[in-house]
Amino acid sequence: MYMTSDTARPGGILYPLRRAEAWLDARGKWAWIATLILGFIFVWPLALALLAYMIWGRKMFSRSCGHRRHANEHSWGRHAMRAGQPTGNRAFDDYKAEALRRLEEEQEAFEAFLQRLRTSKDKSEFDSFMDERAKATSAQDAAEAKPETGARPGEY
């Protein structure tokens, strides 16, 4: 259903950073401060980047680091994982399953159409290339077959 490859990491390249941020948010402001102190002790350039993130992300001066978690509780991103779970309403679940099945079939048909379109385009480009090559070869053969105008038979 998705256009990504099977080898793509789920969540993208920033997924580990988002997980780390959520983990620190769940533990509160002291976890952020402890991470910042340990960062300055072991890897100071990363600690500077973390400090800048905390200041510009308003984490340092907020009352609680967990306030973002509660503010986003009702956003779509939090409930996206539950989209595939049954709701308890059988009629709605049946409708949702049918709609998803129909959308997947339409997507497969569209992908097949795009593949046929690409194939036909590739075939037409290849045919035009072969025609141009055949014309160039026949013109070159015709030029080689013509005798030179100043040469007499038997002379070199």
C-alpha atoms as a PDB file:
ATOM      1  CA  MET A   1       0.000   0.000   0.000  1.00  0.00           C
ATOM      2  CA  TYR A   2       2.952   2.311   0.631  1.00  0.00           C
ATOM      3  CA  MET A   3       5.505   3.492  -1.908  1.00  0.00           C
ATOM      4  CA  THR A   4       8.461   2.883   0.442  1.00  0.00           C
ATOM      5  CA  SER A   5      10.791  -0.048   0.155  1.00  0.00           C
ATOM      6  CA  ASP A   6      10.826  -2.961   2.571  1.00  0.00           C
ATOM      7  CA  THR A   7      14.296  -1.948   3.724  1.00  0.00           C
ATOM      8  CA  ALA A   8      13.274   1.563   4.810  1.00  0.00           C
ATOM      9  CA  ARG A   9      13.470   2.202   8.529  1.00  0.00           C
ATOM     10  CA  PRO A  10      10.102   2.882  10.133  1.00  0.00           C
ATOM     11  CA  GLY A  11       9.694   6.477  11.223  1.00  0.00           C
ATOM     12  CA  GLY A  12      12.467   7.946   9.140  1.00  0.00           C
ATOM     13  CA  ILE A  13      15.942   9.071  10.008  1.00  0.00           C
ATOM     14  CA  LEU A  14      14.849  11.260  12.944  1.00  0.00           C
ATOM     15  CA  TYR A  15      12.905   8.462  14.652  1.00  0.00           C
ATOM     16  CA  PRO A  16      15.612   7.638  17.250  1.00  0.00           C
ATOM     17  CA  LEU A  17      15.898  11.320  18.172  1.00  0.00           C
ATOM     18  CA  ARG A  18      12.136  11.619  18.619  1.00  0.00           C
ATOM     19  CA  ARG A  19      12.126   8.491  20.772  1.00  0.00           C
ATOM     20  CA  ALA A  20      14.937   9.875  22.915  1.00  0.00           C
ATOM     21  CA  GLU A  21      13.086  13.176  23.288  1.00  0.00           C
ATOM     22  CA  ALA A  22       9.893  11.374  24.322  1.00  0.00           C
ATOM     23  CA  TRP A  23      11.858   9.234  26.780  1.00  0.00           C
ATOM     24  CA  LEU A  24      13.430  12.312  28.373  1.00  0.00           C
ATOM     25  CA  ASP A  25      10.065  14.129  28.408  1.00  0.00           C
ATOM     26  CA  ALA A  26       8.499  11.208  30.266  1.00  0.00           C
ATOM     27  CA  ARG A  27      11.173  11.465  32.987  1.00  0.00           C
ATOM     28  CA  GLY A  28      10.886  15.212  33.444  1.00  0.00           C
ATOM     29  CA  LYS A  29      13.152  18.244  33.566  1.00  0.00           C
ATOM     30  CA  TRP A  30      15.819  16.564  35.719  1.00  0.00           C
ATOM     31  CA  ALA A  31      16.432  13.949  33.032  1.00  0.00           C
ATOM     32  CA  TRP A  32      17.110  16.739  30.548  1.00  0.00           C
ATOM     33  CA  ILE A  33      19.470  18.466  32.964  1.00  0.00           C
ATOM     34  CA  ALA A  34      21.307  15.218  33.771  1.00  0.00           C
ATOM     35  CA  THR A  35      21.668  14.484  30.049  1.00  0.00           C
ATOM     36  CA  LEU A  36      23.012  17.970  29.493  1.00  0.00           C
ATOM     37  CA  ILE A  37      25.588  17.629  32.316  1.00  0.00           C
ATOM     38  CA  LEU A  38      26.715  14.192  31.093  1.00  0.00           C
ATOM     39  CA  GLY A  39      26.932  15.596  27.586  1.00  0.00           C
ATOM     40  CA  PHE A  40      29.242  18.395  28.728  1.00  0.00           C
ATOM     41  CA  ILE A  41      31.419  15.869  30.562  1.00  0.00           C
ATOM     42  CA  PHE A  42      31.742  13.369  27.684  1.00  0.00           C
ATOM     43  CA  VAL A  43      30.818  15.041  24.366  1.00  0.00           C
ATOM     44  CA  TRP A  44      30.726  18.802  24.761  1.00  0.00           C
ATOM     45  CA  PRO A  45      29.806  19.736  21.117  1.00  0.00           C
ATOM     46  CA  LEU A  46      26.679  17.590  21.311  1.00  0.00           C
ATOM     47  CA  ALA A  47      25.900  19.074  24.715  1.00  0.00           C
ATOM     48  CA  LEU A  48      26.054  22.557  23.212  1.00  0.00           C
ATOM     49  CA  ALA A  49      23.629  21.458  20.506  1.00  0.00           C
ATOM     50  CA  LEU A  50      21.355  19.966  23.185  1.00  0.00           C
ATOM     51  CA  LEU A  51      21.521  23.191  25.201  1.00  0.00           C
ATOM     52  CA  ALA A  52      20.576  25.232  22.123  1.00  0.00           C
ATOM     53  CA  TYR A  53      17.690  22.832  21.460  1.00  0.00           C
ATOM     54  CA  MET A  54      16.499  23.150  25.039  1.00  0.00           C
ATOM     55  CA  ILE A  55      16.622  26.947  24.957  1.00  0.00           C
ATOM     56  CA  TRP A  56      15.028  27.429  21.551  1.00  0.00           C
ATOM     57  CA  GLY A  57      12.615  24.572  22.144  1.00  0.00           C
ATOM     58  CA  ARG A  58      11.581  26.302  25.408  1.00  0.00           C
ATOM     59  CA  LYS A  59      12.241  23.126  27.369  1.00  0.00           C
ATOM     60  CA  MET A  60      14.525  24.781  29.892  1.00  0.00           C
ATOM     61  CA  PHE A  61      12.101  27.473  30.979  1.00  0.00           C
ATOM     62  CA  SER A  62       8.854  25.515  30.899  1.00  0.00           C
ATOM     63  CA  ARG A  63       7.222  24.358  34.112  1.00  0.00           C
ATOM     64  CA  SER A  64       7.369  20.711  33.115  1.00  0.00           C
ATOM     65  CA  CYS A  65       8.919  18.874  30.218  1.00  0.00           C
ATOM     66  CA  GLY A  66       5.877  16.620  30.084  1.00  0.00           C
ATOM     67  CA  HIS A  67       3.516  19.482  29.150  1.00  0.00           C
ATOM     68  CA  ARG A  68       4.026  18.802  25.430  1.00  0.00           C
ATOM     69  CA  ARG A  69       3.037  15.194  25.870  1.00  0.00           C
ATOM     70  CA  HIS A  70      -0.299  16.209  27.404  1.00  0.00           C
ATOM     71  CA  ALA A  71      -0.906  18.920  24.818  1.00  0.00           C
ATOM     72  CA  ASN A  72      -0.494  16.461  21.939  1.00  0.00           C
ATOM     73  CA  GLU A  73      -2.546  13.715  23.533  1.00  0.00           C
ATOM     74  CA  HIS A  74      -5.518  14.249  21.222  1.00  0.00           C
ATOM     75  CA  SER A  75      -3.588  14.831  18.008  1.00  0.00           C
ATOM     76  CA  TRP A  76      -3.854  12.439  15.079  1.00  0.00           C
ATOM     77  CA  GLY A  77      -0.257  11.266  15.476  1.00  0.00           C
ATOM     78  CA  ARG A  78      -0.915   9.782  18.883  1.00  0.00           C
ATOM     79  CA  HIS A  79      -3.880   7.752  17.644  1.00  0.00           C
ATOM     80  CA  ALA A  80      -2.487   6.701  14.279  1.00  0.00           C
ATOM     81  CA  MET A  81      -1.368   3.380  15.760  1.00  0.00           C
ATOM     82  CA  ARG A  82      -4.929   2.609  16.828  1.00  0.00           C
ATOM     83  CA  ALA A  83      -6.404   3.220  13.361  1.00  0.00           C
ATOM     84  CA  GLY A  84      -6.240  -0.477  12.478  1.00  0.00           C
ATOM     85  CA  GLN A  85      -7.795  -1.699  15.721  1.00  0.00           C
ATOM     86  CA  PRO A  86     -11.482  -2.557  15.916  1.00  0.00           C
ATOM     87  CA  THR A  87     -13.745   0.101  17.393  1.00  0.00           C
ATOM     88  CA  GLY A  88     -16.401  -2.205  18.784  1.00  0.00           C
ATOM     89  CA  ASN A  89     -19.006  -0.967  16.284  1.00  0.00           C
ATOM     90  CA  ARG A  90     -19.346  -3.930  13.906  1.00  0.00           C
ATOM     91  CA  ALA A  91     -21.079  -1.978  11.139  1.00  0.00           C
ATOM     92  CA  PHE A  92     -18.365   0.696  11.133  1.00  0.00           C
ATOM     93  CA  ASP A  93     -15.576  -1.891  11.309  1.00  0.00           C
ATOM     94  CA  ASP A  94     -17.077  -3.730   8.305  1.00  0.00           C
ATOM     95  CA  TYR A  95     -17.393  -0.461   6.383  1.00  0.00           C
ATOM     96  CA  LYS A  96     -13.822   0.516   7.266  1.00  0.00           C
ATOM     97  CA  ALA A  97     -12.461  -2.882   6.205  1.00  0.00           C
ATOM     98  CA  GLU A  98     -14.373  -2.711   2.908  1.00  0.00           C
ATOM     99  CA  ALA A  99     -13.207   0.848   2.225  1.00  0.00           C
ATOM    100  CA  LEU A 100      -9.580  -0.072   2.960  1.00  0.00           C
ATOM    101  CA  ARG A 101      -9.830  -3.162   0.736  1.00  0.00           C
ATOM    102  CA  ARG A 102     -11.308  -1.064  -2.086  1.00  0.00           C
ATOM    103  CA  LEU A 103      -8.608   1.598  -1.708  1.00  0.00           C
ATOM    104  CA  GLU A 104      -5.872  -1.054  -1.801  1.00  0.00           C
ATOM    105  CA  GLU A 105      -7.372  -2.530  -4.984  1.00  0.00           C
ATOM    106  CA  GLU A 106      -7.533   0.928  -6.570  1.00  0.00           C
ATOM    107  CA  GLN A 107      -3.944   1.596  -5.600  1.00  0.00           C
ATOM    108  CA  GLU A 108      -2.785  -1.732  -7.065  1.00  0.00           C
ATOM    109  CA  ALA A 109      -4.693  -0.983 -10.277  1.00  0.00           C
ATOM    110  CA  PHE A 110      -3.156   2.492 -10.455  1.00  0.00           C
ATOM    111  CA  GLU A 111       0.340   1.120  -9.850  1.00  0.00           C
ATOM    112  CA  ALA A 112      -0.224  -1.466 -12.596  1.00  0.00           C
ATOM    113  CA  PHE A 113      -1.394   1.342 -14.925  1.00  0.00           C
ATOM    114  CA  LEU A 114       1.726   3.381 -14.123  1.00  0.00           C
ATOM    115  CA  GLN A 115       3.915   0.345 -14.783  1.00  0.00           C
ATOM    116  CA  ARG A 116       2.216  -0.220 -18.182  1.00  0.00           C
ATOM    117  CA  LEU A 117       2.655   3.472 -18.956  1.00  0.00           C
ATOM    118  CA  ARG A 118       6.362   3.345 -18.097  1.00  0.00           C
ATOM    119  CA  THR A 119       6.809   0.173 -20.141  1.00  0.00           C
ATOM    120  CA  SER A 120       5.101   1.641 -23.188  1.00  0.00           C
ATOM    121  CA  LYS A 121       7.150   4.842 -22.881  1.00  0.00           C
ATOM    122  CA  ASP A 122      10.359   2.821 -22.593  1.00  0.00           C
ATOM    123  CA  LYS A 123       9.343   0.705 -25.590  1.00  0.00           C
ATOM    124  CA  SER A 124       8.565   3.758 -27.729  1.00  0.00           C
ATOM    125  CA  GLU A 125      11.887   5.381 -26.764  1.00  0.00           C
ATOM    126  CA  PHE A 126      13.743   2.171 -27.586  1.00  0.00           C
ATOM    127  CA  ASP A 127      11.944   1.818 -30.925  1.00  0.00           C
ATOM    128  CA  SER A 128      12.786   5.416 -31.884  1.00  0.00           C
ATOM    129  CA  PHE A 129      16.428   4.830 -30.889  1.00  0.00           C
ATOM    130  CA  MET A 130      16.590   1.691 -33.011  1.00  0.00           C
ATOM    131  CA  ASP A 131      15.005   3.535 -35.978  1.00  0.00           C
ATOM    132  CA  GLU A 132      17.535   6.376 -35.689  1.00  0.00           C
ATOM    133  CA  ARG A 133      20.358   3.861 -35.441  1.00  0.00           C
ATOM    134  CA  ALA A 134      19.119   1.955 -38.478  1.00  0.00           C
ATOM    135  CA  LYS A 135      18.870   5.213 -40.489  1.00  0.00           C
ATOM    136  CA  ALA A 136      22.366   6.252 -39.441  1.00  0.00           C
ATOM    137  CA  THR A 137      23.769   2.826 -40.318  1.00  0.00           C
ATOM    138  CA  SER A 138      22.042   2.769 -43.714  1.00  0.00           C
ATOM    139  CA  ALA A 139      23.266   6.309 -44.493  1.00  0.00           C
ATOM    140  CA  GLN A 140      26.801   5.333 -43.509  1.00  0.00           C
ATOM    141  CA  ASP A 141      26.624   2.165 -45.624  1.00  0.00           C
ATOM    142  CA  ALA A 142      25.336   4.182 -48.596  1.00  0.00           C
ATOM    143  CA  ALA A 143      28.179   6.682 -48.227  1.00  0.00           C
ATOM    144  CA  GLU A 144      30.754   3.894 -48.145  1.00  0.00           C
ATOM    145  CA  ALA A 145      29.232   2.170 -51.183  1.00  0.00           C
ATOM    146  CA  LYS A 146      29.445   5.257 -53.450  1.00  0.00           C
ATOM    147  CA  PRO A 147      32.621   5.320 -55.535  1.00  0.00           C
ATOM    148  CA  GLU A 148      34.727   8.434 -55.381  1.00  0.00           C
ATOM    149  CA  THR A 149      34.166  10.809 -58.285  1.00  0.00           C
ATOM    150  CA  GLY A 150      37.851  11.372 -59.151  1.00  0.00           C
ATOM    151  CA  ALA A 151      39.015   7.764 -58.998  1.00  0.00           C
ATOM    152  CA  ARG A 152      39.239   5.508 -62.074  1.00  0.00           C
ATOM    153  CA  PRO A 153      38.635   1.806 -61.904  1.00  0.00           C
ATOM    154  CA  GLY A 154      41.824  -0.049 -61.122  1.00  0.00           C
ATOM    155  CA  GLU A 155      43.673   2.958 -59.694  1.00  0.00           C
ATOM    156  CA  TYR A 156      44.477   3.559 -56.124  1.00  0.00           C
END
